[in-house]
PDB file of N, CA and C in Angstrom:
ATOM      1  N   MET A   1     -22.450  27.925  10.933  1.00  0.00           N
ATOM      2  CA  MET A   1     -22.144  26.808  10.197  1.00  0.00           C
ATOM      3  C   MET A   1     -23.277  26.627   9.445  1.00  0.00           C
ATOM      4  N   ASP A   2     -22.877  26.626   8.066  1.00  0.00           N
ATOM      5  CA  ASP A   2     -24.157  26.459   7.269  1.00  0.00           C
ATOM      6  C   ASP A   2     -24.206  24.939   7.142  1.00  0.00           C
ATOM      7  N   ARG A   3     -25.349  24.311   7.407  1.00  0.00           N
ATOM      8  CA  ARG A   3     -25.866  22.935   7.380  1.00  0.00           C
ATOM      9  C   ARG A   3     -26.684  22.438   6.011  1.00  0.00           C
ATOM     10  N   ALA A   4     -26.269  21.538   5.460  1.00  0.00           N
ATOM     11  CA  ALA A   4     -27.102  20.834   4.202  1.00  0.00           C
ATOM     12  C   ALA A   4     -27.992  19.358   4.696  1.00  0.00           C
ATOM     13  N   SER A   5     -29.078  19.342   4.468  1.00  0.00           N
ATOM     14  CA  SER A   5     -29.779  18.095   4.860  1.00  0.00           C
ATOM     15  C   SER A   5     -29.947  17.198   3.718  1.00  0.00           C
ATOM     16  N   PHE A   6     -29.594  15.862   3.880  1.00  0.00           N
ATOM     17  CA  PHE A   6     -29.716  14.920   2.864  1.00  0.00           C
ATOM     18  C   PHE A   6     -29.893  13.207   4.098  1.00  0.00           C
ATOM     19  N   THR A   7     -30.549  12.515   2.440  1.00  0.00           N
ATOM     20  CA  THR A   7     -30.745  11.226   3.315  1.00  0.00           C
ATOM     21  C   THR A   7     -29.622  10.154   3.332  1.00  0.00           C
ATOM     22  N   LEU A   8     -29.439   9.582   4.683  1.00  0.00           N
ATOM     23  CA  LEU A   8     -28.346   8.708   4.878  1.00  0.00           C
ATOM     24  C   LEU A   8     -29.139   7.126   4.914  1.00  0.00           C
ATOM     25  N   ARG A   9     -28.574   6.425   4.062  1.00  0.00           N
ATOM     26  CA  ARG A   9     -29.292   5.214   4.524  1.00  0.00           C
ATOM     27  C   ARG A   9     -28.382   3.913   5.233  1.00  0.00           C
ATOM     28  N   LEU A  10     -29.112   3.484   5.896  1.00  0.00           N
ATOM     29  CA  LEU A  10     -28.228   2.728   7.366  1.00  0.00           C
ATOM     30  C   LEU A  10     -28.699   1.381   7.475  1.00  0.00           C
ATOM     31  N   PRO A  11     -28.051   0.689   7.544  1.00  0.00           N
ATOM     32  CA  PRO A  11     -28.628  -0.994   7.960  1.00  0.00           C
ATOM     33  C   PRO A  11     -29.556  -0.440   9.371  1.00  0.00           C
ATOM     34  N   LYS A  12     -30.181  -1.367   9.561  1.00  0.00           N
ATOM     35  CA  LYS A  12     -31.236  -1.411  10.826  1.00  0.00           C
ATOM     36  C   LYS A  12     -30.223  -1.509  11.796  1.00  0.00           C
ATOM     37  N   ALA A  13     -29.465  -2.196  12.157  1.00  0.00           N
ATOM     38  CA  ALA A  13     -28.966  -2.824  13.128  1.00  0.00           C
ATOM     39  C   ALA A  13     -27.624  -1.707  13.715  1.00  0.00           C
ATOM     40  N   THR A  14     -27.053  -0.858  12.482  1.00  0.00           N
ATOM     41  CA  THR A  14     -26.181   0.065  12.724  1.00  0.00           C
ATOM     42  C   THR A  14     -27.521   1.529  13.260  1.00  0.00           C
ATOM     43  N   ARG A  15     -28.705   1.346  12.722  1.00  0.00           N
ATOM     44  CA  ARG A  15     -29.207   2.349  13.076  1.00  0.00           C
ATOM     45  C   ARG A  15     -30.003   1.989  14.513  1.00  0.00           C
ATOM     46  N   SER A  16     -29.908   0.946  14.994  1.00  0.00           N
ATOM     47  CA  SER A  16     -30.432   0.648  16.435  1.00  0.00           C
ATOM     48  C   SER A  16     -28.929   1.173  17.277  1.00  0.00           C
ATOM     49  N   ALA A  17     -28.222   0.478  16.773  1.00  0.00           N
ATOM     50  CA  ALA A  17     -26.859   0.577  17.603  1.00  0.00           C
ATOM     51  C   ALA A  17     -27.022   2.211  18.155  1.00  0.00           C
ATOM     52  N   LEU A  18     -26.900   3.018  16.962  1.00  0.00           N
ATOM     53  CA  LEU A  18     -26.687   5.200  16.945  1.00  0.00           C
ATOM     54  C   LEU A  18     -27.775   5.215  18.020  1.00  0.00           C
ATOM     55  N   GLU A  19     -29.345   4.663  17.934  1.00  0.00           N
ATOM     56  CA  GLU A  19     -30.151   5.227  18.770  1.00  0.00           C
ATOM     57  C   GLU A  19     -30.188   4.576  20.249  1.00  0.00           C
ATOM     58  N   GLY A  20     -29.144   3.658  20.555  1.00  0.00           N
ATOM     59  CA  GLY A  20     -28.661   3.288  21.858  1.00  0.00           C
ATOM     60  C   GLY A  20     -27.711   3.640  22.270  1.00  0.00           C
ATOM     61  N   LEU A  21     -26.903   4.221  21.689  1.00  0.00           N
ATOM     62  CA  LEU A  21     -25.522   5.013  22.030  1.00  0.00           C
ATOM     63  C   LEU A  21     -26.227   6.433  22.255  1.00  0.00           C
ATOM     64  N   SER A  22     -27.297   7.064  21.818  1.00  0.00           N
ATOM     65  CA  SER A  22     -27.528   8.358  21.843  1.00  0.00           C
ATOM     66  C   SER A  22     -28.505   8.330  23.118  1.00  0.00           C
ATOM     67  N   LYS A  23     -29.075   7.243  23.319  1.00  0.00           N
ATOM     68  CA  LYS A  23     -29.856   7.670  24.949  1.00  0.00           C
ATOM     69  C   LYS A  23     -28.905   7.160  25.707  1.00  0.00           C
ATOM     70  N   ILE A  24     -27.374   6.375  25.532  1.00  0.00           N
ATOM     71  CA  ILE A  24     -26.460   6.235  26.810  1.00  0.00           C
ATOM     72  C   ILE A  24     -25.755   7.931  26.992  1.00  0.00           C
ATOM     73  N   GLU A  25     -25.382   8.442  25.916  1.00  0.00           N
ATOM     74  CA  GLU A  25     -24.652   9.425  25.455  1.00  0.00           C
ATOM     75  C   GLU A  25     -25.682  10.631  26.503  1.00  0.00           C
ATOM     76  N   ARG A  26     -27.022  10.309  26.290  1.00  0.00           N
ATOM     77  CA  ARG A  26     -27.735  11.823  25.847  1.00  0.00           C
ATOM     78  C   ARG A  26     -27.324  12.783  25.039  1.00  0.00           C
ATOM     79  N   ARG A  27     -27.027  12.199  23.723  1.00  0.00           N
ATOM     80  CA  ARG A  27     -26.694  13.124  22.483  1.00  0.00           C
ATOM     81  C   ARG A  27     -27.533  12.872  21.499  1.00  0.00           C
ATOM     82  N   PRO A  28     -28.130  13.755  20.499  1.00  0.00           N
ATOM     83  CA  PRO A  28     -28.986  13.083  19.478  1.00  0.00           C
ATOM     84  C   PRO A  28     -28.367  11.950  18.122  1.00  0.00           C
ATOM     85  N   VAL A  29     -28.693  11.466  17.868  1.00  0.00           N
ATOM     86  CA  VAL A  29     -28.317  10.559  16.983  1.00  0.00           C
ATOM     87  C   VAL A  29     -27.476  11.064  15.490  1.00  0.00           C
ATOM     88  N   ASN A  30     -28.628  12.371  15.073  1.00  0.00           N
ATOM     89  CA  ASN A  30     -27.426  13.286  14.478  1.00  0.00           C
ATOM     90  C   ASN A  30     -26.004  13.914  14.538  1.00  0.00           C
ATOM     91  N   GLN A  31     -26.010  14.335  15.948  1.00  0.00           N
ATOM     92  CA  GLN A  31     -24.420  14.537  16.428  1.00  0.00           C
ATOM     93  C   GLN A  31     -23.600  13.301  16.376  1.00  0.00           C
ATOM     94  N   LEU A  32     -24.194  12.552  17.060  1.00  0.00           N
ATOM     95  CA  LEU A  32     -23.160  11.141  16.836  1.00  0.00           C
ATOM     96  C   LEU A  32     -22.918  11.090  15.317  1.00  0.00           C
ATOM     97  N   VAL A  33     -23.464  10.992  14.403  1.00  0.00           N
ATOM     98  CA  VAL A  33     -22.879  11.140  12.948  1.00  0.00           C
ATOM     99  C   VAL A  33     -22.409  12.124  12.480  1.00  0.00           C
ATOM    100  N   ASN A  34     -22.518  13.169  12.795  1.00  0.00           N
ATOM    101  CA  ASN A  34     -21.587  14.507  12.428  1.00  0.00           C
ATOM    102  C   ASN A  34     -20.424  14.301  13.212  1.00  0.00           C
ATOM    103  N   ASP A  35     -20.128  13.818  14.498  1.00  0.00           N
ATOM    104  CA  ASP A  35     -18.760  13.692  15.125  1.00  0.00           C
ATOM    105  C   ASP A  35     -18.025  12.804  14.416  1.00  0.00           C
ATOM    106  N   ALA A  36     -18.992  11.604  14.218  1.00  0.00           N
ATOM    107  CA  ALA A  36     -18.089  10.320  13.092  1.00  0.00           C
ATOM    108  C   ALA A  36     -17.845  10.697  12.021  1.00  0.00           C
ATOM    109  N   VAL A  37     -18.329  11.444  11.466  1.00  0.00           N
ATOM    110  CA  VAL A  37     -17.890  11.915   9.876  1.00  0.00           C
ATOM    111  C   VAL A  37     -16.599  12.970  10.118  1.00  0.00           C
ATOM    112  N   ASP A  38     -16.900  13.831  11.017  1.00  0.00           N
ATOM    113  CA  ASP A  38     -15.762  14.620  11.101  1.00  0.00           C
ATOM    114  C   ASP A  38     -14.297  14.222  11.393  1.00  0.00           C
ATOM    115  N   LEU A  39     -14.482  13.156  12.515  1.00  0.00           N
ATOM    116  CA  LEU A  39     -13.060  12.141  12.725  1.00  0.00           C
ATOM    117  C   LEU A  39     -12.682  11.531  11.194  1.00  0.00           C
ATOM    118  N   TYR A  40     -13.500  11.113  10.932  1.00  0.00           N
ATOM    119  CA  TYR A  40     -13.167  10.212   9.566  1.00  0.00           C
ATOM    120  C   TYR A  40     -12.403  11.144   8.739  1.00  0.00           C
ATOM    121  N   LEU A  41     -12.975  12.410   8.575  1.00  0.00           N
ATOM    122  CA  LEU A  41     -12.453  13.149   7.566  1.00  0.00           C
ATOM    123  C   LEU A  41     -10.903  13.638   7.910  1.00  0.00           C
ATOM    124  N   ARG A  42     -11.312  13.838   9.356  1.00  0.00           N
ATOM    125  CA  ARG A  42      -9.491  14.186   9.833  1.00  0.00           C
ATOM    126  C   ARG A  42      -8.469  13.195   9.701  1.00  0.00           C
ATOM    127  N   GLN A  43      -8.988  11.787   9.883  1.00  0.00           N
ATOM    128  CA  GLN A  43      -8.846  10.664  10.272  1.00  0.00           C
ATOM    129  C   GLN A  43      -7.723  10.611   8.730  1.00  0.00           C
ATOM    130  N   SER A  44      -8.686  10.541   7.522  1.00  0.00           N
ATOM    131  CA  SER A  44      -8.232  10.773   6.212  1.00  0.00           C
ATOM    132  C   SER A  44      -7.353  11.628   5.694  1.00  0.00           C
ATOM    133  N   GLY A  45      -7.728  12.970   6.532  1.00  0.00           N
ATOM    134  CA  GLY A  45      -6.678  14.121   5.756  1.00  0.00           C
ATOM    135  C   GLY A  45      -5.355  14.016   6.303  1.00  0.00           C
ATOM    136  N   ASP A  46      -4.538  13.320   7.454  1.00  0.00           N
ATOM    137  CA  ASP A  46      -3.736  12.828   8.022  1.00  0.00           C
ATOM    138  C   ASP A  46      -2.791  11.832   7.104  1.00  0.00           C
ATOM    139  N   ALA A  47      -3.753  10.918   6.812  1.00  0.00           N
ATOM    140  CA  ALA A  47      -3.551  10.018   5.381  1.00  0.00           C
ATOM    141  C   ALA A  47      -2.705  10.440   4.193  1.00  0.00           C
ATOM    142  N   GLU A  48      -3.330  11.452   3.515  1.00  0.00           N
ATOM    143  CA  GLU A  48      -3.030  12.128   3.055  1.00  0.00           C
ATOM    144  C   GLU A  48      -1.840  12.934   3.205  1.00  0.00           C
ATOM    145  N   LYS A  49      -1.813  13.844   3.968  1.00  0.00           N
ATOM    146  CA  LYS A  49      -0.563  14.292   4.160  1.00  0.00           C
ATOM    147  C   LYS A  49       0.722  13.294   4.328  1.00  0.00           C
ATOM    148  N   ASP A  50       0.619  12.422   4.567  1.00  0.00           N
ATOM    149  CA  ASP A  50       1.532  11.285   4.799  1.00  0.00           C
ATOM    150  C   ASP A  50       1.876  11.029   3.424  1.00  0.00           C
ATOM    151  N   LEU A  51       0.712  10.646   2.783  1.00  0.00           N
ATOM    152  CA  LEU A  51       1.236  10.578   1.125  1.00  0.00           C
ATOM    153  C   LEU A  51       2.017  11.557   0.486  1.00  0.00           C
ATOM    154  N   VAL A  52       1.276  12.720   0.692  1.00  0.00           N
ATOM    155  CA  VAL A  52       2.373  13.807  -0.198  1.00  0.00           C
ATOM    156  C   VAL A  52       3.405  14.140   0.716  1.00  0.00           C
ATOM    157  N   ALA A  53       4.035  14.045   1.779  1.00  0.00           N
ATOM    158  CA  ALA A  53       5.118  13.775   2.195  1.00  0.00           C
ATOM    159  C   ALA A  53       6.111  12.793   1.847  1.00  0.00           C
ATOM    160  N   THR A  54       5.343  11.716   1.453  1.00  0.00           N
ATOM    161  CA  THR A  54       6.193  10.491   0.719  1.00  0.00           C
ATOM    162  C   THR A  54       6.512  10.737  -0.581  1.00  0.00           C
ATOM    163  N   LEU A  55       5.489  11.622  -1.489  1.00  0.00           N
ATOM    164  CA  LEU A  55       5.530  12.017  -2.599  1.00  0.00           C
ATOM    165  C   LEU A  55       6.839  13.111  -2.634  1.00  0.00           C
ATOM    166  N   ASP A  56       6.835  13.886  -2.142  1.00  0.00           N
ATOM    167  CA  ASP A  56       7.849  15.112  -1.961  1.00  0.00           C
ATOM    168  C   ASP A  56       9.040  14.680  -1.716  1.00  0.00           C
ATOM    169  N   ALA A  57       9.390  13.433  -0.803  1.00  0.00           N
ATOM    170  CA  ALA A  57      10.623  13.124  -0.609  1.00  0.00           C
ATOM    171  C   ALA A  57      11.243  12.130  -1.991  1.00  0.00           C
ATOM    172  N   LEU A  58      10.078  11.553  -2.451  1.00  0.00           N
ATOM    173  CA  LEU A  58      10.539  10.787  -3.526  1.00  0.00           C
ATOM    174  C   LEU A  58      10.955  11.663  -4.622  1.00  0.00           C
ATOM    175  N   ASN A  59      10.089  12.488  -5.077  1.00  0.00           N
ATOM    176  CA  ASN A  59      10.839  13.652  -5.856  1.00  0.00           C
ATOM    177  C   ASN A  59      11.945  14.369  -5.471  1.00  0.00           C
ATOM    178  N   LYS A  60      12.382  14.830  -4.603  1.00  0.00           N
ATOM    179  CA  LYS A  60      13.416  15.177  -4.248  1.00  0.00           C
ATOM    180  C   LYS A  60      14.881  13.439  -4.385  1.00  0.00           C
ATOM    181  N   TYR A  61      14.207  12.657  -4.122  1.00  0.00           N
ATOM    182  CA  TYR A  61      15.487  11.364  -4.360  1.00  0.00           C
ATOM    183  C   TYR A  61      15.403  11.552  -6.172  1.00  0.00           C
ATOM    184  N   ARG A  62      14.567  11.745  -6.701  1.00  0.00           N
ATOM    185  CA  ARG A  62      14.730  11.838  -8.429  1.00  0.00           C
ATOM    186  C   ARG A  62      15.366  12.709  -8.693  1.00  0.00           C
ATOM    187  N   ALA A  63      15.155  14.048  -8.365  1.00  0.00           N
ATOM    188  CA  ALA A  63      15.632  15.358  -8.418  1.00  0.00           C
ATOM    189  C   ALA A  63      17.196  14.971  -8.438  1.00  0.00           C
ATOM    190  N   SER A  64      17.811  14.499  -7.161  1.00  0.00           N
ATOM    191  CA  SER A  64      19.110  14.248  -6.805  1.00  0.00           C
ATOM    192  C   SER A  64      19.846  12.877  -7.658  1.00  0.00           C
ATOM    193  N   ASP A  65      19.178  12.460  -8.169  1.00  0.00           N
ATOM    194  CA  ASP A  65      19.582  11.194  -8.662  1.00  0.00           C
ATOM    195  C   ASP A  65      19.148  10.723 -10.159  1.00  0.00           C
ATOM    196  N   PRO A  66      18.909  11.882 -10.967  1.00  0.00           N
ATOM    197  CA  PRO A  66      18.101  11.601 -12.133  1.00  0.00           C
ATOM    198  C   PRO A  66      17.925  10.634 -13.010  1.00  0.00           C
ATOM    199  N   GLY A  67      19.222   9.847 -13.190  1.00  0.00           N
ATOM    200  CA  GLY A  67      19.323   8.659 -13.801  1.00  0.00           C
ATOM    201  C   GLY A  67      19.402   7.474 -13.473  1.00  0.00           C
ATOM    202  N   TYR A  68      19.371   7.747 -11.948  1.00  0.00           N
ATOM    203  CA  TYR A  68      19.274   6.335 -11.315  1.00  0.00           C
ATOM    204  C   TYR A  68      20.845   6.155 -10.981  1.00  0.00           C
ATOM    205  N   SER A  69      21.921   6.787 -11.639  1.00  0.00           N
ATOM    206  CA  SER A  69      23.297   6.274 -11.528  1.00  0.00           C
ATOM    207  C   SER A  69      23.733   6.030 -10.195  1.00  0.00           C
ATOM    208  N   LYS A  70      23.440   6.957  -9.034  1.00  0.00           N
ATOM    209  CA  LYS A  70      23.826   6.191  -7.876  1.00  0.00           C
ATOM    210  C   LYS A  70      23.532   5.133  -7.371  1.00  0.00           C
ATOM    211  N   ALA A  71      21.971   4.829  -7.563  1.00  0.00           N
ATOM    212  CA  ALA A  71      21.153   3.971  -7.335  1.00  0.00           C
ATOM    213  C   ALA A  71      21.881   2.294  -7.797  1.00  0.00           C
ATOM    214  N   MET A  72      21.756   2.494  -8.818  1.00  0.00           N
ATOM    215  CA  MET A  72      22.360   1.589 -10.062  1.00  0.00           C
ATOM    216  C   MET A  72      23.813   1.043  -9.518  1.00  0.00           C
ATOM    217  N   ALA A  73      24.529   2.069  -9.200  1.00  0.00           N
ATOM    218  CA  ALA A  73      25.795   1.526  -8.486  1.00  0.00           C
ATOM    219  C   ALA A  73      25.620   0.880  -7.150  1.00  0.00           C
ATOM    220  N   ALA A  74      24.887   1.417  -6.535  1.00  0.00           N
ATOM    221  CA  ALA A  74      24.868   0.845  -5.395  1.00  0.00           C
ATOM    222  C   ALA A  74      23.973  -0.535  -5.192  1.00  0.00           C
ATOM    223  N   PHE A  75      23.618  -0.580  -6.289  1.00  0.00           N
ATOM    224  CA  PHE A  75      22.859  -1.959  -6.541  1.00  0.00           C
ATOM    225  C   PHE A  75      24.158  -3.164  -7.027  1.00  0.00           C
ATOM    226  N   VAL A  76      24.826  -2.423  -8.175  1.00  0.00           N
ATOM    227  CA  VAL A  76      25.814  -3.207  -8.262  1.00  0.00           C
ATOM    228  C   VAL A  76      26.478  -3.433  -7.564  1.00  0.00           C
ATOM    229  N   GLU A  77      26.983  -2.636  -6.519  1.00  0.00           N
ATOM    230  CA  GLU A  77      28.057  -3.146  -5.484  1.00  0.00           C
ATOM    231  C   GLU A  77      27.470  -4.329  -4.752  1.00  0.00           C
ATOM    232  N   ALA A  78      26.261  -3.668  -4.153  1.00  0.00           N
ATOM    233  CA  ALA A  78      25.608  -4.817  -3.390  1.00  0.00           C
ATOM    234  C   ALA A  78      25.614  -6.665  -3.711  1.00  0.00           C
ATOM    235  N   GLU A  79      25.194  -6.346  -5.094  1.00  0.00           N
ATOM    236  CA  GLU A  79      25.096  -7.571  -5.941  1.00  0.00           C
ATOM    237  C   GLU A  79      26.495  -8.419  -6.175  1.00  0.00           C
ATOM    238  N   ALA A  80      27.738  -7.584  -6.529  1.00  0.00           N
ATOM    239  CA  ALA A  80      29.147  -7.785  -6.604  1.00  0.00           C
ATOM    240  C   ALA A  80      29.333  -8.207  -4.846  1.00  0.00           C
ATOM    241  N   ALA A  81      29.012  -7.616  -3.691  1.00  0.00           N
ATOM    242  CA  ALA A  81      29.552  -8.102  -2.647  1.00  0.00           C
ATOM    243  C   ALA A  81      29.060  -9.789  -2.320  1.00  0.00           C
ATOM    244  N   GLY A  82      27.866  -9.684  -2.627  1.00  0.00           N
ATOM    245  CA  GLY A  82      27.146 -10.907  -2.786  1.00  0.00           C
ATOM    246  C   GLY A  82      27.137 -11.474  -0.854  1.00  0.00           C
ATOM    247  N   ALA A  83      26.640 -10.735   0.228  1.00  0.00           N
ATOM    248  CA  ALA A  83      27.058 -10.636   1.636  1.00  0.00           C
ATOM    249  C   ALA A  83      25.971 -11.884   1.899  1.00  0.00           C
ATOM    250  N   ALA A  84      24.776 -11.904   1.337  1.00  0.00           N
ATOM    251  CA  ALA A  84      24.138 -12.374   2.103  1.00  0.00           C
ATOM    252  C   ALA A  84      22.979 -13.279   0.944  1.00  0.00           C
ATOM    253  N   GLU A  85      22.672 -14.464   1.379  1.00  0.00           N
ATOM    254  CA  GLU A  85      21.467 -14.861   0.309  1.00  0.00           C
ATOM    255  C   GLU A  85      20.430 -14.058  -0.283  1.00  0.00           C
ATOM    256  N   ASP A  86      20.254 -14.006  -1.698  1.00  0.00           N
ATOM    257  CA  ASP A  86      19.103 -13.280  -1.685  1.00  0.00           C
ATOM    258  C   ASP A  86      18.054 -14.048  -2.234  1.00  0.00           C
ATOM    259  N   SER A  87      16.958 -13.873  -1.488  1.00  0.00           N
ATOM    260  CA  SER A  87      15.531 -14.790  -1.421  1.00  0.00           C
ATOM    261  C   SER A  87      14.920 -14.911  -2.922  1.00  0.00           C
ATOM    262  N   VAL A  88      15.208 -13.656  -3.593  1.00  0.00           N
ATOM    263  CA  VAL A  88      14.900 -13.840  -5.003  1.00  0.00           C
ATOM    264  C   VAL A  88      15.241 -14.093  -5.654  1.00  0.00           C
ATOM    265  N   GLU A  89      16.556 -14.742  -5.653  1.00  0.00           N
ATOM    266  CA  GLU A  89      17.264 -15.167  -6.948  1.00  0.00           C
ATOM    267  C   GLU A  89      16.920 -16.061  -7.432  1.00  0.00           C
ATOM    268  N   GLY A  90      16.677 -17.115  -8.556  1.00  0.00           N
ATOM    269  CA  GLY A  90      16.382 -18.220  -9.067  1.00  0.00           C
ATOM    270  C   GLY A  90      17.711 -19.308  -9.196  1.00  0.00           C
ATOM    271  N   THR A  91      17.302 -20.646  -9.347  1.00  0.00           N
ATOM    272  CA  THR A  91      17.955 -21.608  -9.778  1.00  0.00           C
ATOM    273  C   THR A  91      17.650 -21.975 -11.028  1.00  0.00           C
ATOM    274  N   VAL A  92      18.659 -21.706 -11.712  1.00  0.00           N
ATOM    275  CA  VAL A  92      18.292 -22.560 -13.278  1.00  0.00           C
ATOM    276  C   VAL A  92      18.307 -23.753 -13.272  1.00  0.00           C
ATOM    277  N   VAL A  93      17.316 -24.535 -13.919  1.00  0.00           N
ATOM    278  CA  VAL A  93      16.606 -25.914 -13.797  1.00  0.00           C
ATOM    279  C   VAL A  93      17.076 -26.470 -15.555  1.00  0.00           C
ATOM    280  N   VAL A  94      17.904 -27.639 -16.162  1.00  0.00           N
ATOM    281  CA  VAL A  94      17.997 -27.754 -17.355  1.00  0.00           C
ATOM    282  C   VAL A  94      17.633 -29.124 -17.188  1.00  0.00           C
ATOM    283  N   ASP A  95      16.608 -29.399 -18.190  1.00  0.00           N
ATOM    284  CA  ASP A  95      16.821 -31.019 -18.775  1.00  0.00           C
ATOM    285  C   ASP A  95      17.802 -31.684 -19.270  1.00  0.00           C
ATOM    286  N   GLU A  96      17.833 -32.955 -19.764  1.00  0.00           N
ATOM    287  CA  GLU A  96      18.765 -33.752 -20.023  1.00  0.00           C
ATOM    288  C   GLU A  96      19.108 -32.692 -21.896  1.00  0.00           C
ATOM    289  N   GLY A  97      17.797 -32.255 -22.526  1.00  0.00           N
ATOM    290  CA  GLY A  97      18.008 -31.929 -23.624  1.00  0.00           C
ATOM    291  C   GLY A  97      18.580 -30.291 -23.785  1.00  0.00           C
ATOM    292  N   GLY A  98      18.638 -29.569 -22.700  1.00  0.00           N
ATOM    293  CA  GLY A  98      19.258 -28.408 -22.567  1.00  0.00           C
ATOM    294  C   GLY A  98      17.816 -27.490 -22.152  1.00  0.00           C
ATOM    295  N   THR A  99      16.844 -27.683 -22.265  1.00  0.00           N
ATOM    296  CA  THR A  99      16.346 -26.774 -21.997  1.00  0.00           C
ATOM    297  C   THR A  99      14.953 -27.531 -21.029  1.00  0.00           C
ATOM    298  N   ALA A 100      13.936 -26.753 -20.444  1.00  0.00           N
ATOM    299  CA  ALA A 100      12.795 -27.372 -19.409  1.00  0.00           C
ATOM    300  C   ALA A 100      11.616 -27.684 -20.279  1.00  0.00           C
ATOM    301  N   ALA A 101      10.932 -28.180 -19.876  1.00  0.00           N
ATOM    302  CA  ALA A 101       9.735 -28.863 -20.385  1.00  0.00           C
ATOM    303  C   ALA A 101       9.008 -27.786 -20.317  1.00  0.00           C
ATOM    304  N   GLY A 102       8.458 -27.302 -21.476  1.00  0.00           N
ATOM    305  CA  GLY A 102       7.330 -26.337 -21.959  1.00  0.00           C
ATOM    306  C   GLY A 102       8.209 -24.794 -22.168  1.00  0.00           C
ATOM    307  N   SER A 103       9.392 -24.620 -22.236  1.00  0.00           N
ATOM    308  CA  SER A 103      10.056 -23.715 -22.297  1.00  0.00           C
ATOM    309  C   SER A 103      10.769 -23.526 -23.209  1.00  0.00           C
ATOM    310  N   PRO A 104      10.476 -22.576 -24.347  1.00  0.00           N
ATOM    311  CA  PRO A 104      11.082 -22.334 -25.541  1.00  0.00           C
ATOM    312  C   PRO A 104      12.722 -23.045 -25.716  1.00  0.00           C
ATOM    313  N   GLN A 105      12.811 -23.482 -27.118  1.00  0.00           N
ATOM    314  CA  GLN A 105      14.528 -24.135 -27.213  1.00  0.00           C
ATOM    315  C   GLN A 105      15.240 -23.299 -27.089  1.00  0.00           C
ATOM    316  N   GLY A 106      16.054 -23.620 -26.039  1.00  0.00           N
ATOM    317  CA  GLY A 106      17.145 -22.556 -25.876  1.00  0.00           C
ATOM    318  C   GLY A 106      17.398 -22.190 -24.269  1.00  0.00           C
ATOM    319  N   SER A 107      15.808 -21.962 -24.129  1.00  0.00           N
ATOM    320  CA  SER A 107      15.873 -20.922 -22.743  1.00  0.00           C
ATOM    321  C   SER A 107      15.452 -22.011 -21.802  1.00  0.00           C
ATOM    322  N   PRO A 108      16.296 -21.898 -20.662  1.00  0.00           N
ATOM    323  CA  PRO A 108      16.112 -22.802 -19.589  1.00  0.00           C
ATOM    324  C   PRO A 108      15.038 -22.229 -18.659  1.00  0.00           C
ATOM    325  N   ALA A 109      14.664 -23.234 -17.971  1.00  0.00           N
ATOM    326  CA  ALA A 109      13.713 -22.585 -17.105  1.00  0.00           C
ATOM    327  C   ALA A 109      14.027 -22.270 -15.775  1.00  0.00           C
ATOM    328  N   VAL A 110      13.266 -21.154 -14.872  1.00  0.00           N
ATOM    329  CA  VAL A 110      14.120 -20.375 -13.704  1.00  0.00           C
ATOM    330  C   VAL A 110      13.506 -20.473 -12.811  1.00  0.00           C
ATOM    331  N   THR A 111      13.322 -21.400 -11.591  1.00  0.00           N
ATOM    332  CA  THR A 111      12.505 -21.266 -10.378  1.00  0.00           C
ATOM    333  C   THR A 111      13.135 -20.689  -9.175  1.00  0.00           C
ATOM    334  N   LEU A 112      12.414 -20.080  -8.480  1.00  0.00           N
ATOM    335  CA  LEU A 112      12.670 -19.545  -7.357  1.00  0.00           C
ATOM    336  C   LEU A 112      13.044 -20.466  -6.101  1.00  0.00           C
ATOM    337  N   ASN A 113      13.791 -20.047  -5.292  1.00  0.00           N
ATOM    338  CA  ASN A 113      14.257 -20.951  -4.080  1.00  0.00           C
ATOM    339  C   ASN A 113      13.225 -20.617  -3.587  1.00  0.00           C
ATOM    340  N   ALA A 114      12.795 -21.838  -2.491  1.00  0.00           N
ATOM    341  CA  ALA A 114      12.032 -21.668  -1.593  1.00  0.00           C
ATOM    342  C   ALA A 114      12.084 -21.539   0.206  1.00  0.00           C
TER     343      ALA A 114
END
């Protein structure tokens, strides 16, 4: 395996902890750092694979419903059924003049249910 040298700047406390671990495990600091970097890269690779799989699934879904007509129909059906209270729905609040303070003439304010 080809190796390349480079400077790594660590906080003194981190360097001290590595030196202590090196003595306990009887392994060089360099080996500990190499193992830590390898582990990090493997874990990052797993996360990247998950993202790629998610993107692939999204692309397949988009291909199966290009205009989102099925998704919109399902949404309309769920809204029409009104089976459960929607925490994102708002309540229109209108003052005596027909508008809310600070809102443009003729447009009521909407407050979200808490």
